[in-house]
Amino acid sequence: MKKIVAVLFPLICSTSLIYGQKTRFGQEPPKAKHGVDYPLTVHISGIHIRPYCTDMVRTEVTCKDVVYADAIMGGKKIELIGDKDVMPYQSVGLSLGDYQARLLKSSSDADFTKIGQKYDLAFPDSTIWQCTVSGISE
């Protein structure tokens, strides 16, 4: 009986660790689903990688790299921000140009460039980059 418990206990503990992670290192970025429409055209005119720092415990500052993209959507210049770790720029060679996008949360307002709006940006190999409008310029 003790041998069975000694074998089953580590097995049960290790299976919970396997399924506990939401994002795994080296995980592929999400792919575009068939039948989903990407009606908006976004022209990316600049790409910047900058640190984004948060003060989690007031004594310790944690920083991670995020991607900022200067874009034009609907005739307005905007800045998009997204996580660098799920950005498929290394695999598809993100470059300046036109991409298709869709609004994730629809709002009652017709202005697609409001700060905080979330978008899915589709790349040529059908990978998706989830980004947020972080700024608007003239």
Protein backbone atom coordinates (compact mmCIF):
# COMPACT_ATOMS: atom_id res chain seq x y z
CA MET A 1 0.00 0.00 0.00
CA LYS A 2 2.82 2.41 0.88
CA LYS A 3 4.49 1.68 -2.46
CA ILE A 4 1.34 2.57 -4.40
CA VAL A 5 0.96 5.84 -2.49
CA ALA A 6 4.66 6.60 -3.01
CA VAL A 7 4.24 6.12 -6.78
CA LEU A 8 0.87 7.87 -7.23
CA PHE A 9 1.60 10.96 -5.12
CA PRO A 10 4.49 12.32 -7.29
CA LEU A 11 2.49 11.44 -10.42
CA ILE A 12 -0.54 13.45 -9.30
CA CYS A 13 1.60 16.40 -8.22
CA SER A 14 3.49 16.53 -11.53
CA THR A 15 0.33 16.47 -13.70
CA SER A 16 -1.02 19.61 -12.05
CA LEU A 17 2.21 21.44 -12.89
CA ILE A 18 1.95 20.47 -16.56
CA TYR A 19 -1.51 21.98 -17.02
CA GLY A 20 -0.95 24.96 -14.73
CA GLN A 21 0.89 27.14 -17.23
CA LYS A 22 -1.10 29.34 -19.57
CA THR A 23 1.76 30.46 -21.78
CA ARG A 24 4.63 28.13 -22.47
CA PHE A 25 8.05 29.20 -23.66
CA GLY A 26 8.26 28.74 -27.41
CA GLN A 27 4.51 28.48 -27.85
CA GLU A 28 3.26 29.43 -31.31
CA PRO A 29 1.31 32.70 -31.62
CA PRO A 30 -2.43 32.34 -32.27
CA LYS A 31 -3.60 31.76 -35.85
CA ALA A 32 -6.45 33.49 -37.70
CA LYS A 33 -9.62 31.40 -37.80
CA HIS A 34 -11.31 30.64 -41.09
CA GLY A 35 -14.45 32.66 -41.67
CA VAL A 36 -13.38 35.54 -39.43
CA ASP A 37 -13.44 38.85 -41.29
CA TYR A 38 -10.65 41.43 -40.91
CA PRO A 39 -12.30 44.53 -42.44
CA LEU A 40 -9.88 47.24 -41.32
CA THR A 41 -6.63 48.14 -43.07
CA VAL A 42 -3.77 49.27 -40.84
CA HIS A 43 -0.61 50.77 -42.30
CA ILE A 44 2.37 50.32 -39.97
CA SER A 45 4.94 53.07 -40.48
CA GLY A 46 7.28 52.50 -37.51
CA ILE A 47 8.17 49.81 -34.96
CA HIS A 48 9.81 50.39 -31.56
CA ILE A 49 10.71 47.96 -28.78
CA ARG A 50 10.77 49.68 -25.39
CA PRO A 51 10.68 48.49 -21.79
CA TYR A 52 7.38 48.67 -19.95
CA CYS A 53 7.92 48.80 -16.19
CA THR A 54 5.45 48.22 -13.40
CA ASP A 55 5.86 48.64 -9.67
CA MET A 56 4.39 45.43 -8.33
CA VAL A 57 5.56 45.53 -4.71
CA ARG A 58 6.64 49.18 -4.33
CA THR A 59 10.19 48.06 -3.62
CA GLU A 60 10.69 45.97 -6.72
CA VAL A 61 10.19 47.23 -10.26
CA THR A 62 9.57 44.63 -12.95
CA CYS A 63 10.17 45.45 -16.60
CA LYS A 64 9.43 43.63 -19.82
CA ASP A 65 9.92 44.56 -23.45
CA VAL A 66 6.83 45.56 -25.41
CA VAL A 67 6.35 46.50 -29.05
CA TYR A 68 5.04 49.92 -30.03
CA ALA A 69 3.92 50.34 -33.63
CA ASP A 70 3.21 53.67 -35.30
CA ALA A 71 0.21 53.09 -37.54
CA ILE A 72 -2.39 54.83 -39.66
CA MET A 73 -5.97 53.60 -39.34
CA GLY A 74 -8.96 55.34 -40.86
CA GLY A 75 -6.80 58.33 -41.81
CA LYS A 76 -5.64 58.91 -38.22
CA LYS A 77 -2.15 58.35 -36.86
CA ILE A 78 -2.21 56.05 -33.84
CA GLU A 79 0.23 54.11 -31.69
CA LEU A 80 -0.38 50.43 -31.01
CA ILE A 81 1.13 48.51 -28.10
CA GLY A 82 1.42 44.77 -27.75
CA ASP A 83 3.36 42.10 -25.94
CA LYS A 84 6.75 41.30 -27.49
CA ASP A 85 6.66 37.66 -26.36
CA VAL A 86 3.61 36.81 -28.47
CA MET A 87 4.60 39.07 -31.34
CA PRO A 88 5.32 36.97 -34.44
CA TYR A 89 7.80 39.51 -35.86
CA GLN A 90 10.71 37.08 -35.70
CA SER A 91 8.92 34.28 -37.55
CA VAL A 92 7.19 36.35 -40.27
CA GLY A 93 9.66 39.20 -40.52
CA LEU A 94 7.39 42.04 -39.44
CA SER A 95 7.98 44.96 -41.71
CA LEU A 96 6.39 48.25 -42.53
CA GLY A 97 3.28 48.02 -44.66
CA ASP A 98 -0.43 47.29 -44.75
CA TYR A 99 -2.08 44.65 -42.57
CA GLN A 100 -5.67 43.58 -42.00
CA ALA A 101 -7.22 44.05 -38.56
CA ARG A 102 -10.46 43.61 -36.68
CA LEU A 103 -11.85 45.27 -33.59
CA LEU A 104 -12.13 42.82 -30.68
CA LYS A 105 -14.70 44.69 -28.62
CA SER A 106 -17.27 46.66 -30.54
CA SER A 107 -18.43 49.89 -29.01
CA SER A 108 -21.38 52.11 -29.74
CA ASP A 109 -19.01 54.84 -30.95
CA ALA A 110 -17.95 54.72 -34.62
CA ASP A 111 -14.45 56.03 -33.85
CA PHE A 112 -12.05 53.10 -34.33
CA THR A 113 -9.05 54.96 -32.90
CA LYS A 114 -10.11 55.44 -29.29
CA ILE A 115 -7.41 54.84 -26.72
CA GLY A 116 -7.83 51.42 -25.16
CA GLN A 117 -9.51 49.77 -28.16
CA LYS A 118 -8.21 46.23 -28.69
CA TYR A 119 -7.46 44.82 -32.14
CA ASP A 120 -6.35 41.58 -33.76
CA LEU A 121 -3.78 42.29 -36.45
CA ALA A 122 -3.46 39.51 -39.06
CA PHE A 123 -0.04 38.83 -40.57
CA PRO A 124 0.56 37.22 -43.98
CA ASP A 125 1.15 33.75 -42.48
CA SER A 126 -2.22 33.97 -40.60
CA THR A 127 -0.67 34.63 -37.19
CA ILE A 128 -2.45 37.15 -34.96
CA TRP A 129 -0.99 39.96 -32.87
CA GLN A 130 -3.34 41.33 -30.22
CA CYS A 131 -2.65 45.02 -29.74
CA THR A 132 -4.18 48.05 -28.04
CA VAL A 133 -4.38 51.68 -29.12
CA SER A 134 -2.08 53.54 -26.72
CA GLY A 135 -1.89 56.94 -28.38
CA ILE A 136 -3.26 59.25 -31.09
CA SER A 137 -1.35 61.96 -32.93
CA GLU A 138 -2.21 64.58 -35.52
